[in-house]
Amino acid sequence: VPSTIGAFGPTSPRNPTPDLCIQRPRTIYGVSKVHAE
């Protein structure tokens, strides 16, 4: 199942973004991908 850069949100570290960190996306696409992960 592919996920996406959209699985991260404004409170995630952005530069760089590690595999494991806070994920609070602001789109239904991102939310659904965090759910999938």
PDB file of all heavy atoms in Angstrom:
ATOM      1  N   VAL A   1       0.860  -1.179   0.000  1.00  0.00           N
ATOM      2  CA  VAL A   1       0.000   0.000   0.000  1.00  0.00           C
ATOM      3  C   VAL A   1       0.898   1.231   0.000  1.00  0.00           C
ATOM      4  O   VAL A   1       1.691   1.411   0.928  1.00  0.00           O
ATOM      5  CB  VAL A   1      -0.935   0.032   1.225  1.00  0.00           C
ATOM      6  CG1 VAL A   1      -1.785   1.301   1.221  1.00  0.00           C
ATOM      7  CG2 VAL A   1      -1.824  -1.198   1.262  1.00  0.00           C
ATOM      8  N   PRO A   2       0.830   2.087  -1.015  1.00  0.00           N
ATOM      9  CA  PRO A   2       1.670   3.280  -1.013  1.00  0.00           C
ATOM     10  C   PRO A   2       1.165   4.310  -0.018  1.00  0.00           C
ATOM     11  O   PRO A   2      -0.038   4.474   0.183  1.00  0.00           O
ATOM     12  CB  PRO A   2       1.534   3.799  -2.448  1.00  0.00           C
ATOM     13  CG  PRO A   2       0.169   3.348  -2.866  1.00  0.00           C
ATOM     14  CD  PRO A   2      -0.044   2.014  -2.190  1.00  0.00           C
ATOM     15  N   SER A   3       2.106   4.997   0.616  1.00  0.00           N
ATOM     16  CA  SER A   3       1.768   6.173   1.398  1.00  0.00           C
ATOM     17  C   SER A   3       2.380   7.391   0.705  1.00  0.00           C
ATOM     18  O   SER A   3       2.711   7.331  -0.480  1.00  0.00           O
ATOM     19  CB  SER A   3       2.231   6.040   2.847  1.00  0.00           C
ATOM     20  OG  SER A   3       1.702   7.089   3.639  1.00  0.00           O
ATOM     21  N   THR A   4       2.586   8.488   1.410  1.00  0.00           N
ATOM     22  CA  THR A   4       2.819   9.752   0.731  1.00  0.00           C
ATOM     23  C   THR A   4       3.454  10.783   1.652  1.00  0.00           C
ATOM     24  O   THR A   4       3.366  10.659   2.891  1.00  0.00           O
ATOM     25  CB  THR A   4       1.467  10.305   0.228  1.00  0.00           C
ATOM     26  OG1 THR A   4       1.608  11.663  -0.192  1.00  0.00           O
ATOM     27  CG2 THR A   4       0.427  10.289   1.336  1.00  0.00           C
ATOM     28  N   ILE A   5       4.050  11.810   1.051  1.00  0.00           N
ATOM     29  CA  ILE A   5       4.475  12.962   1.830  1.00  0.00           C
ATOM     30  C   ILE A   5       3.290  13.613   2.542  1.00  0.00           C
ATOM     31  O   ILE A   5       3.444  14.262   3.565  1.00  0.00           O
ATOM     32  CB  ILE A   5       5.182  14.013   0.953  1.00  0.00           C
ATOM     33  CG1 ILE A   5       4.323  14.435  -0.239  1.00  0.00           C
ATOM     34  CG2 ILE A   5       6.521  13.524   0.492  1.00  0.00           C
ATOM     35  CD1 ILE A   5       4.937  15.556  -1.055  1.00  0.00           C
ATOM     36  N   GLY A   6       2.073  13.398   1.994  1.00  0.00           N
ATOM     37  CA  GLY A   6       0.875  13.970   2.590  1.00  0.00           C
ATOM     38  C   GLY A   6       0.487  13.343   3.908  1.00  0.00           C
ATOM     39  O   GLY A   6      -0.452  13.811   4.558  1.00  0.00           O
ATOM     40  N   ALA A   7       1.204  12.280   4.327  1.00  0.00           N
ATOM     41  CA  ALA A   7       0.915  11.662   5.617  1.00  0.00           C
ATOM     42  C   ALA A   7       1.485  12.472   6.777  1.00  0.00           C
ATOM     43  O   ALA A   7       1.256  12.129   7.936  1.00  0.00           O
ATOM     44  CB  ALA A   7       1.479  10.244   5.648  1.00  0.00           C
ATOM     45  N   PHE A   8       2.206  13.541   6.467  1.00  0.00           N
ATOM     46  CA  PHE A   8       2.751  14.416   7.492  1.00  0.00           C
ATOM     47  C   PHE A   8       1.959  15.719   7.531  1.00  0.00           C
ATOM     48  O   PHE A   8       1.191  16.026   6.608  1.00  0.00           O
ATOM     49  CB  PHE A   8       4.232  14.681   7.245  1.00  0.00           C
ATOM     50  CG  PHE A   8       5.064  13.436   7.297  1.00  0.00           C
ATOM     51  CD1 PHE A   8       5.384  12.744   6.141  1.00  0.00           C
ATOM     52  CD2 PHE A   8       5.507  12.933   8.510  1.00  0.00           C
ATOM     53  CE1 PHE A   8       6.135  11.581   6.189  1.00  0.00           C
ATOM     54  CE2 PHE A   8       6.260  11.768   8.578  1.00  0.00           C
ATOM     55  CZ  PHE A   8       6.574  11.087   7.407  1.00  0.00           C
ATOM     56  N   GLY A   9       2.151  16.487   8.581  1.00  0.00           N
ATOM     57  CA  GLY A   9       1.398  17.722   8.754  1.00  0.00           C
ATOM     58  C   GLY A   9       2.285  18.865   9.211  1.00  0.00           C
ATOM     59  O   GLY A   9       3.515  18.728   9.300  1.00  0.00           O
ATOM     60  N   PRO A  10       1.691  20.003   9.521  1.00  0.00           N
ATOM     61  CA  PRO A  10       2.467  21.206   9.853  1.00  0.00           C
ATOM     62  C   PRO A  10       3.288  21.082  11.132  1.00  0.00           C
ATOM     63  O   PRO A  10       4.229  21.863  11.334  1.00  0.00           O
ATOM     64  CB  PRO A  10       1.403  22.296   9.975  1.00  0.00           C
ATOM     65  CG  PRO A  10       0.118  21.572  10.208  1.00  0.00           C
ATOM     66  CD  PRO A  10       0.242  20.271   9.499  1.00  0.00           C
ATOM     67  N   THR A  11       2.952  20.142  12.010  1.00  0.00           N
ATOM     68  CA  THR A  11       3.731  19.960  13.232  1.00  0.00           C
ATOM     69  C   THR A  11       4.829  18.909  13.079  1.00  0.00           C
ATOM     70  O   THR A  11       5.582  18.657  14.027  1.00  0.00           O
ATOM     71  CB  THR A  11       2.808  19.570  14.405  1.00  0.00           C
ATOM     72  OG1 THR A  11       2.038  18.415  14.029  1.00  0.00           O
ATOM     73  CG2 THR A  11       1.853  20.711  14.743  1.00  0.00           C
ATOM     74  N   SER A  12       4.933  18.281  11.905  1.00  0.00           N
ATOM     75  CA  SER A  12       6.003  17.320  11.645  1.00  0.00           C
ATOM     76  C   SER A  12       7.294  18.063  11.326  1.00  0.00           C
ATOM     77  O   SER A  12       7.265  19.144  10.728  1.00  0.00           O
ATOM     78  CB  SER A  12       5.637  16.421  10.452  1.00  0.00           C
ATOM     79  OG  SER A  12       4.400  15.778  10.626  1.00  0.00           O
ATOM     80  N   PRO A  13       8.441  17.502  11.691  1.00  0.00           N
ATOM     81  CA  PRO A  13       9.708  18.085  11.226  1.00  0.00           C
ATOM     82  C   PRO A  13       9.764  18.025   9.708  1.00  0.00           C
ATOM     83  O   PRO A  13       9.455  16.993   9.116  1.00  0.00           O
ATOM     84  CB  PRO A  13      10.769  17.201  11.874  1.00  0.00           C
ATOM     85  CG  PRO A  13      10.062  15.938  12.246  1.00  0.00           C
ATOM     86  CD  PRO A  13       8.641  16.294  12.506  1.00  0.00           C
ATOM     87  N   ARG A  14      10.161  19.123   9.066  1.00  0.00           N
ATOM     88  CA  ARG A  14      10.032  19.225   7.612  1.00  0.00           C
ATOM     89  C   ARG A  14      11.357  19.092   6.871  1.00  0.00           C
ATOM     90  O   ARG A  14      11.349  18.818   5.670  1.00  0.00           O
ATOM     91  CB  ARG A  14       9.381  20.560   7.224  1.00  0.00           C
ATOM     92  CG  ARG A  14       7.956  20.750   7.765  1.00  0.00           C
ATOM     93  CD  ARG A  14       7.343  22.015   7.206  1.00  0.00           C
ATOM     94  NE  ARG A  14       7.170  21.933   5.758  1.00  0.00           N
ATOM     95  CZ  ARG A  14       7.253  22.977   4.937  1.00  0.00           C
ATOM     96  NH1 ARG A  14       7.555  24.183   5.413  1.00  0.00           N
ATOM     97  NH2 ARG A  14       7.072  22.809   3.646  1.00  0.00           N
ATOM     98  N   ASN A  15      12.478  19.317   7.535  1.00  0.00           N
ATOM     99  CA  ASN A  15      13.723  19.382   6.783  1.00  0.00           C
ATOM    100  C   ASN A  15      14.911  18.904   7.624  1.00  0.00           C
ATOM    101  O   ASN A  15      15.590  19.711   8.233  1.00  0.00           O
ATOM    102  CB  ASN A  15      13.965  20.815   6.299  1.00  0.00           C
ATOM    103  CG  ASN A  15      15.091  20.904   5.283  1.00  0.00           C
ATOM    104  OD1 ASN A  15      15.476  19.906   4.685  1.00  0.00           O
ATOM    105  ND2 ASN A  15      15.631  22.096   5.103  1.00  0.00           N
ATOM    106  N   PRO A  16      15.149  17.560   7.663  1.00  0.00           N
ATOM    107  CA  PRO A  16      14.420  16.517   6.949  1.00  0.00           C
ATOM    108  C   PRO A  16      13.299  15.923   7.796  1.00  0.00           C
ATOM    109  O   PRO A  16      13.221  16.177   9.002  1.00  0.00           O
ATOM    110  CB  PRO A  16      15.501  15.479   6.694  1.00  0.00           C
ATOM    111  CG  PRO A  16      16.372  15.576   7.914  1.00  0.00           C
ATOM    112  CD  PRO A  16      16.377  17.035   8.293  1.00  0.00           C
ATOM    113  N   THR A  17      12.464  15.110   7.151  1.00  0.00           N
ATOM    114  CA  THR A  17      11.386  14.392   7.830  1.00  0.00           C
ATOM    115  C   THR A  17      11.794  12.926   7.984  1.00  0.00           C
ATOM    116  O   THR A  17      11.983  12.230   6.993  1.00  0.00           O
ATOM    117  CB  THR A  17      10.082  14.479   7.018  1.00  0.00           C
ATOM    118  OG1 THR A  17       9.734  15.848   6.830  1.00  0.00           O
ATOM    119  CG2 THR A  17       8.954  13.758   7.730  1.00  0.00           C
ATOM    120  N   PRO A  18      11.946  12.442   9.225  1.00  0.00           N
ATOM    121  CA  PRO A  18      12.355  11.044   9.428  1.00  0.00           C
ATOM    122  C   PRO A  18      11.192  10.075   9.257  1.00  0.00           C
ATOM    123  O   PRO A  18      10.032  10.477   9.145  1.00  0.00           O
ATOM    124  CB  PRO A  18      12.859  11.056  10.877  1.00  0.00           C
ATOM    125  CG  PRO A  18      12.048  12.120  11.546  1.00  0.00           C
ATOM    126  CD  PRO A  18      11.802  13.182  10.495  1.00  0.00           C
ATOM    127  N   ASP A  19      11.521   8.791   9.285  1.00  0.00           N
ATOM    128  CA  ASP A  19      10.477   7.770   9.165  1.00  0.00           C
ATOM    129  C   ASP A  19       9.484   7.846  10.313  1.00  0.00           C
ATOM    130  O   ASP A  19       8.279   7.707  10.107  1.00  0.00           O
ATOM    131  CB  ASP A  19      11.106   6.367   9.135  1.00  0.00           C
ATOM    132  CG  ASP A  19      11.731   6.034   7.793  1.00  0.00           C
ATOM    133  OD1 ASP A  19      11.019   6.122   6.774  1.00  0.00           O
ATOM    134  OD2 ASP A  19      12.915   5.688   7.761  1.00  0.00           O
ATOM    135  N   LEU A  20       9.989   8.022  11.512  1.00  0.00           N
ATOM    136  CA  LEU A  20       9.155   8.019  12.706  1.00  0.00           C
ATOM    137  C   LEU A  20       9.159   9.403  13.343  1.00  0.00           C
ATOM    138  O   LEU A  20      10.211   9.870  13.804  1.00  0.00           O
ATOM    139  CB  LEU A  20       9.650   6.968  13.708  1.00  0.00           C
ATOM    140  CG  LEU A  20       9.642   5.521  13.220  1.00  0.00           C
ATOM    141  CD1 LEU A  20      10.244   4.599  14.271  1.00  0.00           C
ATOM    142  CD2 LEU A  20       8.234   5.066  12.867  1.00  0.00           C
ATOM    143  N   CYS A  21       8.019  10.037  13.347  1.00  0.00           N
ATOM    144  CA  CYS A  21       7.877  11.361  13.953  1.00  0.00           C
ATOM    145  C   CYS A  21       6.386  11.650  14.083  1.00  0.00           C
ATOM    146  O   CYS A  21       5.544  10.848  13.682  1.00  0.00           O
ATOM    147  CB  CYS A  21       8.572  12.448  13.129  1.00  0.00           C
ATOM    148  SG  CYS A  21       7.853  12.708  11.497  1.00  0.00           S
ATOM    149  N   ILE A  22       6.048  12.799  14.628  1.00  0.00           N
ATOM    150  CA  ILE A  22       4.647  13.160  14.760  1.00  0.00           C
ATOM    151  C   ILE A  22       4.021  13.325  13.376  1.00  0.00           C
ATOM    152  O   ILE A  22       4.635  13.852  12.451  1.00  0.00           O
ATOM    153  CB  ILE A  22       4.488  14.458  15.586  1.00  0.00           C
ATOM    154  CG1 ILE A  22       3.003  14.703  15.904  1.00  0.00           C
ATOM    155  CG2 ILE A  22       5.104  15.659  14.871  1.00  0.00           C
ATOM    156  CD1 ILE A  22       2.789  15.801  16.920  1.00  0.00           C
ATOM    157  N   GLN A  23       2.802  12.828  13.212  1.00  0.00           N
ATOM    158  CA  GLN A  23       2.063  12.918  11.947  1.00  0.00           C
ATOM    159  C   GLN A  23       0.660  13.441  12.244  1.00  0.00           C
ATOM    160  O   GLN A  23      -0.147  12.726  12.839  1.00  0.00           O
ATOM    161  CB  GLN A  23       1.971  11.558  11.266  1.00  0.00           C
ATOM    162  CG  GLN A  23       3.305  11.005  10.769  1.00  0.00           C
ATOM    163  CD  GLN A  23       3.189   9.599  10.211  1.00  0.00           C
ATOM    164  OE1 GLN A  23       3.541   8.635  10.868  1.00  0.00           O
ATOM    165  NE2 GLN A  23       2.686   9.487   8.986  1.00  0.00           N
ATOM    166  N   ARG A  24       0.398  14.645  11.831  1.00  0.00           N
ATOM    167  CA  ARG A  24      -0.929  15.233  12.006  1.00  0.00           C
ATOM    168  C   ARG A  24      -1.341  15.943  10.719  1.00  0.00           C
ATOM    169  O   ARG A  24      -1.390  17.159  10.642  1.00  0.00           O
ATOM    170  CB  ARG A  24      -0.937  16.226  13.178  1.00  0.00           C
ATOM    171  CG  ARG A  24      -0.818  15.592  14.560  1.00  0.00           C
ATOM    172  CD  ARG A  24      -2.044  14.744  14.883  1.00  0.00           C
ATOM    173  NE  ARG A  24      -1.987  14.194  16.233  1.00  0.00           N
ATOM    174  CZ  ARG A  24      -1.406  13.057  16.565  1.00  0.00           C
ATOM    175  NH1 ARG A  24      -0.804  12.332  15.626  1.00  0.00           N
ATOM    176  NH2 ARG A  24      -1.422  12.622  17.803  1.00  0.00           N
ATOM    177  N   PRO A  25      -1.625  15.154   9.654  1.00  0.00           N
ATOM    178  CA  PRO A  25      -1.959  15.757   8.359  1.00  0.00           C
ATOM    179  C   PRO A  25      -3.269  16.534   8.426  1.00  0.00           C
ATOM    180  O   PRO A  25      -4.136  16.258   9.262  1.00  0.00           O
ATOM    181  CB  PRO A  25      -2.069  14.559   7.416  1.00  0.00           C
ATOM    182  CG  PRO A  25      -2.373  13.408   8.314  1.00  0.00           C
ATOM    183  CD  PRO A  25      -1.664  13.677   9.598  1.00  0.00           C
ATOM    184  N   ARG A  26      -3.438  17.471   7.499  1.00  0.00           N
ATOM    185  CA  ARG A  26      -4.611  18.337   7.470  1.00  0.00           C
ATOM    186  C   ARG A  26      -5.499  18.076   6.258  1.00  0.00           C
ATOM    187  O   ARG A  26      -6.353  18.893   5.939  1.00  0.00           O
ATOM    188  CB  ARG A  26      -4.150  19.807   7.474  1.00  0.00           C
ATOM    189  CG  ARG A  26      -3.393  20.218   8.738  1.00  0.00           C
ATOM    190  CD  ARG A  26      -4.311  20.510   9.889  1.00  0.00           C
ATOM    191  NE  ARG A  26      -3.589  20.874  11.107  1.00  0.00           N
ATOM    192  CZ  ARG A  26      -3.177  22.102  11.398  1.00  0.00           C
ATOM    193  NH1 ARG A  26      -3.386  23.089  10.546  1.00  0.00           N
ATOM    194  NH2 ARG A  26      -2.550  22.342  12.536  1.00  0.00           N
ATOM    195  N   THR A  27      -5.289  16.974   5.562  1.00  0.00           N
ATOM    196  CA  THR A  27      -6.147  16.612   4.426  1.00  0.00           C
ATOM    197  C   THR A  27      -6.713  15.215   4.659  1.00  0.00           C
ATOM    198  O   THR A  27      -6.105  14.391   5.365  1.00  0.00           O
ATOM    199  CB  THR A  27      -5.373  16.609   3.091  1.00  0.00           C
ATOM    200  OG1 THR A  27      -4.397  15.542   3.120  1.00  0.00           O
ATOM    201  CG2 THR A  27      -4.674  17.938   2.855  1.00  0.00           C
ATOM    202  N   ILE A  28      -7.867  14.923   4.045  1.00  0.00           N
ATOM    203  CA  ILE A  28      -8.445  13.587   4.173  1.00  0.00           C
ATOM    204  C   ILE A  28      -7.525  12.555   3.520  1.00  0.00           C
ATOM    205  O   ILE A  28      -7.428  11.402   3.988  1.00  0.00           O
ATOM    206  CB  ILE A  28      -9.869  13.536   3.562  1.00  0.00           C
ATOM    207  CG1 ILE A  28     -10.522  12.166   3.831  1.00  0.00           C
ATOM    208  CG2 ILE A  28      -9.853  13.850   2.083  1.00  0.00           C
ATOM    209  CD1 ILE A  28     -10.706  11.831   5.294  1.00  0.00           C
ATOM    210  N   TYR A  29      -6.827  12.944   2.472  1.00  0.00           N
ATOM    211  CA  TYR A  29      -5.861  12.048   1.840  1.00  0.00           C
ATOM    212  C   TYR A  29      -4.754  11.678   2.821  1.00  0.00           C
ATOM    213  O   TYR A  29      -4.433  10.496   3.010  1.00  0.00           O
ATOM    214  CB  TYR A  29      -5.277  12.732   0.603  1.00  0.00           C
ATOM    215  CG  TYR A  29      -4.205  11.964  -0.117  1.00  0.00           C
ATOM    216  CD1 TYR A  29      -4.431  10.687  -0.593  1.00  0.00           C
ATOM    217  CD2 TYR A  29      -2.953  12.538  -0.352  1.00  0.00           C
ATOM    218  CE1 TYR A  29      -3.445   9.981  -1.270  1.00  0.00           C
ATOM    219  CE2 TYR A  29      -1.968  11.845  -1.037  1.00  0.00           C
ATOM    220  CZ  TYR A  29      -2.210  10.568  -1.489  1.00  0.00           C
ATOM    221  OH  TYR A  29      -1.247   9.878  -2.165  1.00  0.00           O
ATOM    222  N   GLY A  30      -4.177  12.679   3.482  1.00  0.00           N
ATOM    223  CA  GLY A  30      -3.116  12.413   4.443  1.00  0.00           C
ATOM    224  C   GLY A  30      -3.594  11.606   5.632  1.00  0.00           C
ATOM    225  O   GLY A  30      -2.926  10.666   6.084  1.00  0.00           O
ATOM    226  N   VAL A  31      -4.770  11.965   6.156  1.00  0.00           N
ATOM    227  CA  VAL A  31      -5.335  11.223   7.287  1.00  0.00           C
ATOM    228  C   VAL A  31      -5.551   9.760   6.913  1.00  0.00           C
ATOM    229  O   VAL A  31      -5.241   8.840   7.684  1.00  0.00           O
ATOM    230  CB  VAL A  31      -6.654  11.880   7.744  1.00  0.00           C
ATOM    231  CG1 VAL A  31      -7.389  10.987   8.739  1.00  0.00           C
ATOM    232  CG2 VAL A  31      -6.384  13.251   8.370  1.00  0.00           C
ATOM    233  N   SER A  32      -6.073   9.524   5.721  1.00  0.00           N
ATOM    234  CA  SER A  32      -6.331   8.145   5.297  1.00  0.00           C
ATOM    235  C   SER A  32      -5.034   7.365   5.117  1.00  0.00           C
ATOM    236  O   SER A  32      -5.000   6.143   5.344  1.00  0.00           O
ATOM    237  CB  SER A  32      -7.154   8.135   4.003  1.00  0.00           C
ATOM    238  OG  SER A  32      -6.406   8.615   2.897  1.00  0.00           O
ATOM    239  N   LYS A  33      -3.961   8.033   4.721  1.00  0.00           N
ATOM    240  CA  LYS A  33      -2.686   7.339   4.539  1.00  0.00           C
ATOM    241  C   LYS A  33      -2.021   7.019   5.878  1.00  0.00           C
ATOM    242  O   LYS A  33      -1.403   5.958   6.032  1.00  0.00           O
ATOM    243  CB  LYS A  33      -1.759   8.163   3.644  1.00  0.00           C
ATOM    244  CG  LYS A  33      -2.161   8.137   2.178  1.00  0.00           C
ATOM    245  CD  LYS A  33      -2.202   6.719   1.625  1.00  0.00           C
ATOM    246  CE  LYS A  33      -2.524   6.655   0.153  1.00  0.00           C
ATOM    247  NZ  LYS A  33      -2.557   5.261  -0.350  1.00  0.00           N
ATOM    248  N   VAL A  34      -2.128   7.915   6.857  1.00  0.00           N
ATOM    249  CA  VAL A  34      -1.640   7.577   8.199  1.00  0.00           C
ATOM    250  C   VAL A  34      -2.424   6.379   8.730  1.00  0.00           C
ATOM    251  O   VAL A  34      -1.852   5.451   9.329  1.00  0.00           O
ATOM    252  CB  VAL A  34      -1.773   8.782   9.152  1.00  0.00           C
ATOM    253  CG1 VAL A  34      -1.402   8.372  10.580  1.00  0.00           C
ATOM    254  CG2 VAL A  34      -0.877   9.927   8.700  1.00  0.00           C
ATOM    255  N   HIS A  35      -3.720   6.393   8.508  1.00  0.00           N
ATOM    256  CA  HIS A  35      -4.574   5.272   8.904  1.00  0.00           C
ATOM    257  C   HIS A  35      -4.100   3.979   8.234  1.00  0.00           C
ATOM    258  O   HIS A  35      -4.021   2.924   8.890  1.00  0.00           O
ATOM    259  CB  HIS A  35      -6.018   5.583   8.505  1.00  0.00           C
ATOM    260  CG  HIS A  35      -6.995   4.496   8.819  1.00  0.00           C
ATOM    261  ND1 HIS A  35      -7.421   4.222  10.091  1.00  0.00           N
ATOM    262  CD2 HIS A  35      -7.625   3.606   8.003  1.00  0.00           C
ATOM    263  CE1 HIS A  35      -8.279   3.208  10.064  1.00  0.00           C
ATOM    264  NE2 HIS A  35      -8.429   2.819   8.809  1.00  0.00           N
ATOM    265  N   ALA A  36      -3.772   4.056   6.954  1.00  0.00           N
ATOM    266  CA  ALA A  36      -3.298   2.871   6.233  1.00  0.00           C
ATOM    267  C   ALA A  36      -1.984   2.355   6.810  1.00  0.00           C
ATOM    268  O   ALA A  36      -1.797   1.136   6.993  1.00  0.00           O
ATOM    269  CB  ALA A  36      -3.135   3.194   4.743  1.00  0.00           C
ATOM    270  N   GLU A  37      -1.048   3.260   7.090  1.00  0.00           N
ATOM    271  CA  GLU A  37       0.225   2.854   7.677  1.00  0.00           C
ATOM    272  C   GLU A  37       0.020   2.123   9.003  1.00  0.00           C
ATOM    273  O   GLU A  37       0.608   1.062   9.247  1.00  0.00           O
ATOM    274  CB  GLU A  37       1.108   4.078   7.908  1.00  0.00           C
ATOM    275  CG  GLU A  37       1.551   4.795   6.652  1.00  0.00           C
ATOM    276  CD  GLU A  37       2.331   6.062   6.964  1.00  0.00           C
ATOM    277  OE1 GLU A  37       2.729   6.262   8.134  1.00  0.00           O
ATOM    278  OE2 GLU A  37       2.533   6.864   6.029  1.00  0.00           O
TER     279      GLU A  37
END
